[in-house]
Amino acid sequence: MRYPAIFITMFLLMQSADAAVTPDIDPRASLNVVQQWIYNYRAKPDYVHVPAAVRVLFHAQSFKEPENAGIYLGFIAGAIGSNPAKAEQLVTSFFPVAPEDEWVIVRAIAYSGLPDWKNLLRKVAPKMPGRQVMIDSYLAGTLPTLANIPLEDAKPGMFDKLRVVFTRNPFAKDDKKLKMAQTFASNQDLLDTLWGYYFATGSHLPILRIMQMLPWTKSRDTLDKLTVGSMARYTLASYAVRDAGLREFLHSELANQPEAIKAPLGEVIEAADTVQLGAVRKDALAAVDELKTKGSDSRQNLDFWGQIGVGAVALGCVSAAALGQVEVGIPCVIGGSASQGLLSFWEKQQ
């Protein structure tokens, strides 16, 4: 029954592009169909229906909350990058796009990995005059592509710290600036984006990037790194349970990785091979509780740790896990205001 539903939905959507009156489409039902379709896409790519699937995502307001839309953004980026010869045709098929959703097209092109992504972005720029600042930022390199986003902020060396000490005016007030630089450690939606890219392409490059976050499962310095690292480990194990190809790749990479990655990767593989995801979840909760109780290793934020609870530190449902509602069995809701924290969800499973 699943495949007829997909084709019926796609047919209605393709008709609506030319019809004077757009037929009513249940956004929730359509989104469920597309979620299943996205998860299964890498096993049987269906490139011709990508435009229709993307229109469902727009129609369902899946990008209303950008931080919960990473998996869809990653999928669109991967679809664009997977077929360079038809990339421009694919992007053009997405239009018209509501002004509030145009950022998705801009970022998906920049994240696509296409060798000529800048020229493609220039070609479609006239269709999105309201996003010219964002477009110019990507073209100038002030906004990074997905491949160029660092894992975490570079730590200042001894000389950098001394320079601050000797050049800082002790009587000046500290002007705290809003931190706009992106890192995987501080932007959990980027983990989702990597998973979306994997679903669109089957490429192991995003998997390798996710594996680089695994050492953070042992981090006792910042809660952000510990939580994102734990989610990286959990999603790897969750998807590997049902994805034999992914499980085989993780096995093949184990011997090639440095010790910092090898240890948590071994835990992922064991959890996937024996289908023991509960152990991964419990370990993450215990680590977070310990960090909150004892404070960070650097002891710089003890007051902060004492003021927060599980709800405050929760990620805001990671959509990579939410997509697993269809295939992996993680009961989490996305695409709207009904999102729950990852750690809150883990806690309720105990």
Protein backbone atom coordinates (compact mmCIF):
# COMPACT_ATOMS: atom_id res chain seq x y z
CA MET A 1 0.00 0.00 0.00
CA ARG A 2 2.90 2.32 0.60
CA TYR A 3 3.99 2.72 -3.02
CA PRO A 4 0.53 3.48 -4.49
CA ALA A 5 0.12 6.16 -1.82
CA ILE A 6 3.41 7.71 -2.85
CA PHE A 7 2.54 7.79 -6.52
CA ILE A 8 -0.95 9.20 -5.87
CA THR A 9 0.52 11.96 -3.73
CA MET A 10 3.18 12.78 -6.30
CA PHE A 11 0.60 12.84 -9.08
CA LEU A 12 -1.60 15.31 -7.22
CA LEU A 13 1.36 17.54 -6.51
CA MET A 14 2.58 17.58 -10.11
CA GLN A 15 -0.92 18.42 -11.27
CA SER A 16 -1.15 21.29 -8.81
CA ALA A 17 1.75 23.09 -10.47
CA ASP A 18 -0.42 23.74 -13.55
CA ALA A 19 -3.87 23.86 -11.99
CA ALA A 20 -5.63 27.14 -11.32
CA VAL A 21 -6.74 25.89 -7.91
CA THR A 22 -4.37 23.81 -5.79
CA PRO A 23 -6.15 20.71 -4.43
CA ASP A 24 -6.33 20.28 -0.67
CA ILE A 25 -3.48 18.10 0.61
CA ASP A 26 -3.27 16.93 4.20
CA PRO A 27 0.17 18.20 5.23
CA ARG A 28 0.53 15.63 7.99
CA ALA A 29 -0.36 12.64 5.85
CA SER A 30 1.81 13.87 2.99
CA LEU A 31 4.73 14.52 5.32
CA ASN A 32 4.54 10.96 6.67
CA VAL A 33 4.66 9.61 3.13
CA VAL A 34 7.67 11.76 2.30
CA GLN A 35 9.45 10.75 5.51
CA GLN A 36 9.18 7.10 4.51
CA TRP A 37 10.22 7.93 0.97
CA ILE A 38 13.28 9.89 2.15
CA TYR A 39 14.44 7.10 4.45
CA ASN A 40 14.20 4.51 1.67
CA TYR A 41 15.55 6.78 -1.07
CA ARG A 42 19.22 5.73 -0.91
CA ALA A 43 18.29 2.09 -1.50
CA LYS A 44 16.28 2.97 -4.61
CA PRO A 45 16.86 6.57 -5.79
CA ASP A 46 13.76 8.11 -7.37
CA TYR A 47 15.22 11.36 -8.70
CA VAL A 48 12.23 12.25 -10.85
CA HIS A 49 9.98 12.62 -7.80
CA VAL A 50 12.35 14.78 -5.74
CA PRO A 51 10.60 18.04 -6.83
CA ALA A 52 7.20 16.71 -5.74
CA ALA A 53 8.61 15.53 -2.41
CA VAL A 54 10.18 18.94 -1.80
CA ARG A 55 6.87 20.65 -2.54
CA VAL A 56 5.25 18.48 0.13
CA LEU A 57 7.92 19.62 2.59
CA PHE A 58 7.26 23.26 1.76
CA HIS A 59 3.50 22.77 1.88
CA ALA A 60 3.75 21.11 5.31
CA GLN A 61 5.78 24.08 6.60
CA SER A 62 8.65 21.75 7.45
CA PHE A 63 11.11 24.66 7.42
CA LYS A 64 9.16 26.93 9.73
CA GLU A 65 11.64 26.13 12.50
CA PRO A 66 15.06 25.93 10.79
CA GLU A 67 16.69 24.14 13.73
CA ASN A 68 14.22 21.25 13.35
CA ALA A 69 14.55 21.06 9.55
CA GLY A 70 18.13 19.89 9.19
CA ILE A 71 17.33 16.43 7.87
CA TYR A 72 15.15 17.84 5.06
CA LEU A 73 17.71 20.50 4.20
CA GLY A 74 20.41 17.84 4.03
CA PHE A 75 18.27 15.66 1.80
CA ILE A 76 17.64 18.48 -0.66
CA ALA A 77 21.34 19.38 -0.67
CA GLY A 78 22.28 15.76 -1.31
CA ALA A 79 19.73 15.44 -4.12
CA ILE A 80 21.17 18.54 -5.80
CA GLY A 81 24.74 17.28 -5.43
CA SER A 82 24.00 13.72 -6.52
CA ASN A 83 23.36 14.59 -10.17
CA PRO A 84 25.49 17.58 -11.29
CA ALA A 85 24.24 17.38 -14.88
CA LYS A 86 20.64 17.93 -13.77
CA ALA A 87 21.25 20.11 -10.73
CA GLU A 88 20.08 23.35 -12.32
CA GLN A 89 16.97 21.69 -13.71
CA LEU A 90 16.18 20.24 -10.27
CA VAL A 91 16.63 23.54 -8.44
CA THR A 92 14.52 25.41 -11.00
CA SER A 93 11.73 22.88 -10.50
CA PHE A 94 11.42 23.93 -6.83
CA PHE A 95 10.12 27.37 -7.76
CA PRO A 96 7.98 29.25 -7.00
CA VAL A 97 9.01 29.19 -3.35
CA ALA A 98 7.43 31.24 -0.59
CA PRO A 99 9.75 34.10 0.44
CA GLU A 100 10.10 32.71 3.96
CA ASP A 101 11.40 29.39 2.56
CA GLU A 102 13.88 30.76 0.00
CA TRP A 103 16.74 30.37 2.48
CA VAL A 104 16.35 26.60 2.10
CA ILE A 105 17.21 26.75 -1.60
CA VAL A 106 20.20 29.02 -0.99
CA ARG A 107 21.64 26.84 1.76
CA ALA A 108 20.91 23.56 -0.02
CA ILE A 109 22.89 24.72 -3.05
CA ALA A 110 25.79 25.86 -0.85
CA TYR A 111 25.70 22.54 1.05
CA SER A 112 25.30 20.40 -2.07
CA GLY A 113 28.97 19.69 -2.63
CA LEU A 114 28.66 20.54 -6.33
CA PRO A 115 32.03 21.66 -7.78
CA ASP A 116 30.21 24.51 -9.55
CA TRP A 117 27.72 25.37 -6.80
CA LYS A 118 28.60 29.08 -6.86
CA ASN A 119 27.62 29.48 -10.50
CA LEU A 120 24.37 27.63 -9.87
CA LEU A 121 23.63 29.95 -6.97
CA ARG A 122 24.33 32.99 -9.15
CA LYS A 123 21.95 31.69 -11.83
CA VAL A 124 19.00 31.29 -9.48
CA ALA A 125 19.76 34.39 -7.39
CA PRO A 126 17.40 36.63 -9.44
CA LYS A 127 14.49 34.40 -8.36
CA MET A 128 15.24 35.20 -4.70
CA PRO A 129 16.01 38.95 -4.44
CA GLY A 130 15.03 38.95 -0.78
CA ARG A 131 17.92 36.58 0.03
CA GLN A 132 20.68 38.52 -1.70
CA VAL A 133 22.57 39.17 1.55
CA MET A 134 22.64 35.46 2.32
CA ILE A 135 23.62 34.62 -1.25
CA ASP A 136 26.45 37.15 -1.23
CA SER A 137 27.68 35.79 2.10
CA TYR A 138 27.98 32.27 0.72
CA LEU A 139 29.62 33.46 -2.49
CA ALA A 140 32.13 35.54 -0.50
CA GLY A 141 32.88 32.68 1.86
CA THR A 142 31.75 34.47 5.02
CA LEU A 143 29.14 31.73 5.43
CA PRO A 144 30.74 28.27 5.22
CA THR A 145 29.59 25.32 3.15
CA LEU A 146 28.70 22.11 4.97
CA ALA A 147 32.12 20.61 4.26
CA ASN A 148 33.88 23.67 5.70
CA ILE A 149 32.02 23.99 8.99
CA PRO A 150 34.47 23.08 11.78
CA LEU A 151 33.67 20.48 14.39
CA GLU A 152 34.25 22.98 17.20
CA ASP A 153 35.83 26.33 17.93
CA ALA A 154 39.60 26.42 17.81
CA LYS A 155 41.06 26.57 21.31
CA PRO A 156 43.28 29.59 21.94
CA GLY A 157 46.93 28.79 22.55
CA MET A 158 49.10 30.11 25.37
CA PHE A 159 50.32 33.10 23.38
CA ASP A 160 46.74 34.00 22.41
CA LYS A 161 45.73 33.99 26.07
CA LEU A 162 48.73 36.13 27.02
CA ARG A 163 47.93 38.59 24.25
CA VAL A 164 44.44 39.06 25.65
CA VAL A 165 45.80 39.61 29.16
CA PHE A 166 48.27 42.29 28.11
CA THR A 167 46.11 44.09 25.56
CA ARG A 168 42.79 44.11 27.40
CA ASN A 169 41.73 47.35 29.09
CA PRO A 170 40.95 46.34 32.69
CA PHE A 171 38.55 49.30 33.05
CA ALA A 172 36.58 48.58 29.90
CA LYS A 173 33.20 46.89 30.07
CA ASP A 174 32.92 43.49 28.41
CA ASP A 175 30.83 43.79 25.26
CA LYS A 176 29.43 40.34 24.61
CA LYS A 177 28.82 39.79 20.92
CA LEU A 178 26.30 37.37 19.54
CA LYS A 179 28.17 34.28 18.41
CA MET A 180 27.29 33.66 14.75
CA ALA A 181 30.07 31.25 13.79
CA GLN A 182 28.78 27.75 13.12
CA THR A 183 30.29 24.57 14.51
CA PHE A 184 28.94 21.06 14.76
CA ALA A 185 29.42 21.19 18.52
CA SER A 186 27.12 24.19 18.94
CA ASN A 187 24.55 23.53 16.19
CA GLN A 188 22.86 20.18 16.68
CA ASP A 189 20.78 20.61 13.52
CA LEU A 190 23.97 20.09 11.50
CA LEU A 191 24.00 16.47 12.65
CA ASP A 192 20.55 16.13 11.12
CA THR A 193 21.79 17.76 7.94
CA LEU A 194 24.51 15.13 7.58
CA TRP A 195 21.95 12.36 7.97
CA GLY A 196 19.69 13.95 5.36
CA TYR A 197 22.62 14.13 2.95
CA TYR A 198 23.34 10.45 3.58
CA PHE A 199 19.71 9.50 2.90
CA ALA A 200 19.83 11.34 -0.44
CA THR A 201 23.17 9.98 -1.63
CA GLY A 202 24.22 6.91 0.33
CA SER A 203 27.63 8.60 0.52
CA HIS A 204 29.83 7.64 3.45
CA LEU A 205 31.37 11.12 3.70
CA PRO A 206 28.68 12.41 6.08
CA ILE A 207 29.00 9.19 8.10
CA LEU A 208 32.72 9.79 8.50
CA ARG A 209 31.95 13.31 9.70
CA ILE A 210 29.45 12.01 12.23
CA MET A 211 32.03 9.51 13.46
CA GLN A 212 34.36 12.42 14.26
CA MET A 213 31.84 13.56 16.88
CA LEU A 214 31.98 10.26 18.76
CA PRO A 215 34.85 11.29 21.10
CA TRP A 216 32.49 13.91 22.53
CA THR A 217 30.59 11.07 24.24
CA LYS A 218 33.50 11.08 26.69
CA SER A 219 33.58 14.87 27.00
CA ARG A 220 33.18 16.32 30.46
CA ASP A 221 33.95 19.89 29.44
CA THR A 222 30.79 21.19 27.78
CA LEU A 223 27.25 19.92 27.77
CA ASP A 224 26.79 20.82 24.10
CA LYS A 225 29.60 18.50 23.00
CA LEU A 226 28.49 15.70 25.29
CA THR A 227 24.89 15.89 24.06
CA VAL A 228 25.70 16.16 20.35
CA GLY A 229 28.30 13.39 20.66
CA SER A 230 25.79 11.17 22.43
CA MET A 231 23.21 11.85 19.71
CA ALA A 232 25.78 11.03 17.04
CA ARG A 233 26.47 7.70 18.73
CA TYR A 234 22.78 6.96 19.24
CA THR A 235 21.70 7.75 15.67
CA LEU A 236 24.60 5.76 14.21
CA ALA A 237 23.58 2.74 16.27
CA SER A 238 19.86 3.25 15.56
CA TYR A 239 20.20 3.41 11.81
CA ALA A 240 22.86 0.71 11.66
CA VAL A 241 20.43 -1.71 13.30
CA ARG A 242 18.29 -1.69 10.15
CA ASP A 243 20.83 -0.60 7.55
CA ALA A 244 23.10 -3.56 6.79
CA GLY A 245 25.23 -1.48 4.42
CA LEU A 246 25.85 1.14 7.09
CA ARG A 247 26.64 -1.53 9.67
CA GLU A 248 29.12 -3.15 7.29
CA PHE A 249 30.80 0.21 6.64
CA LEU A 250 31.18 0.90 10.35
CA HIS A 251 32.81 -2.50 10.80
CA SER A 252 35.22 -1.78 7.95
CA GLU A 253 36.23 1.58 9.41
CA LEU A 254 36.86 0.41 12.96
CA ALA A 255 40.49 -0.55 12.38
CA ASN A 256 41.23 2.67 10.48
CA GLN A 257 40.15 5.11 13.16
CA PRO A 258 42.26 6.71 15.91
CA GLU A 259 41.73 5.43 19.43
CA ALA A 260 39.53 8.39 20.42
CA ILE A 261 37.00 7.35 17.76
CA LYS A 262 37.63 3.61 17.85
CA ALA A 263 36.38 3.12 21.41
CA PRO A 264 32.94 4.78 21.01
CA LEU A 265 32.63 3.40 17.46
CA GLY A 266 33.10 -0.07 18.90
CA GLU A 267 30.22 0.67 21.25
CA VAL A 268 28.07 1.75 18.29
CA ILE A 269 28.86 -1.44 16.39
CA GLU A 270 28.18 -3.69 19.38
CA ALA A 271 24.88 -1.93 20.10
CA ALA A 272 23.83 -2.25 16.44
CA ASP A 273 24.93 -5.89 16.11
CA THR A 274 23.13 -6.95 19.27
CA VAL A 275 20.25 -4.45 19.02
CA GLN A 276 20.91 -2.99 22.47
CA LEU A 277 20.09 0.68 21.98
CA GLY A 278 18.89 1.01 25.54
CA ALA A 279 22.44 0.70 26.82
CA VAL A 280 23.53 3.61 24.63
CA ARG A 281 20.66 5.74 25.87
CA LYS A 282 21.30 4.97 29.56
CA ASP A 283 25.01 5.73 29.26
CA ALA A 284 24.26 9.12 27.74
CA LEU A 285 21.82 10.00 30.53
CA ALA A 286 24.30 8.94 33.20
CA ALA A 287 27.06 11.06 31.64
CA VAL A 288 24.83 14.13 31.46
CA ASP A 289 23.71 13.67 35.06
CA GLU A 290 27.33 13.38 36.19
CA LEU A 291 28.32 16.49 34.29
CA LYS A 292 25.45 18.46 35.79
CA THR A 293 26.26 17.25 39.30
CA LYS A 294 30.02 17.65 39.31
CA GLY A 295 30.40 20.46 36.81
CA SER A 296 32.73 20.61 33.85
CA ASP A 297 36.29 19.39 34.05
CA SER A 298 37.51 22.91 33.47
CA ARG A 299 35.35 24.11 36.41
CA GLN A 300 34.50 27.31 34.55
CA ASN A 301 30.71 27.05 34.50
CA LEU A 302 29.71 25.53 37.84
CA ASP A 303 27.04 28.15 38.51
CA PHE A 304 25.49 27.49 35.13
CA TRP A 305 25.36 23.72 35.60
CA GLY A 306 23.58 24.17 38.92
CA GLN A 307 20.75 26.18 37.38
CA ILE A 308 19.62 23.90 34.59
CA GLY A 309 17.53 20.77 34.38
CA VAL A 310 16.99 18.11 31.78
CA GLY A 311 14.35 20.18 29.99
CA ALA A 312 16.65 23.19 29.68
CA VAL A 313 19.55 21.24 28.22
CA ALA A 314 17.48 19.06 25.91
CA LEU A 315 18.23 19.38 22.24
CA GLY A 316 14.78 20.03 20.88
CA CYS A 317 13.95 16.84 19.09
CA VAL A 318 16.69 15.87 16.67
CA SER A 319 14.92 15.18 13.42
CA ALA A 320 17.28 12.40 12.41
CA ALA A 321 15.85 10.42 15.29
CA ALA A 322 12.36 11.59 14.47
CA LEU A 323 12.57 10.18 10.97
CA GLY A 324 13.21 6.91 12.73
CA GLN A 325 9.58 7.02 13.87
CA VAL A 326 8.89 5.38 10.54
CA GLU A 327 11.77 2.94 10.26
CA VAL A 328 13.67 2.85 13.53
CA GLY A 329 10.84 3.21 16.00
CA ILE A 330 11.79 6.33 17.96
CA PRO A 331 8.55 8.07 19.00
CA CYS A 332 9.44 11.69 18.48
CA VAL A 333 7.50 14.43 16.68
CA ILE A 334 8.92 17.01 14.28
CA GLY A 335 7.78 19.57 11.78
CA GLY A 336 5.86 21.75 14.22
CA SER A 337 5.61 23.04 17.75
CA ALA A 338 5.12 19.58 19.28
CA SER A 339 8.80 18.83 19.75
CA GLN A 340 10.35 17.32 22.84
CA GLY A 341 13.90 17.30 24.12
CA LEU A 342 16.11 14.39 23.26
CA LEU A 343 17.26 13.96 26.82
CA SER A 344 13.71 14.28 28.11
CA PHE A 345 12.74 11.47 25.76
CA TRP A 346 15.62 9.31 26.94
CA GLU A 347 14.68 9.94 30.56
CA LYS A 348 11.09 8.80 30.01
CA GLN A 349 12.31 5.49 28.60
CA GLN A 350 13.88 4.47 31.89
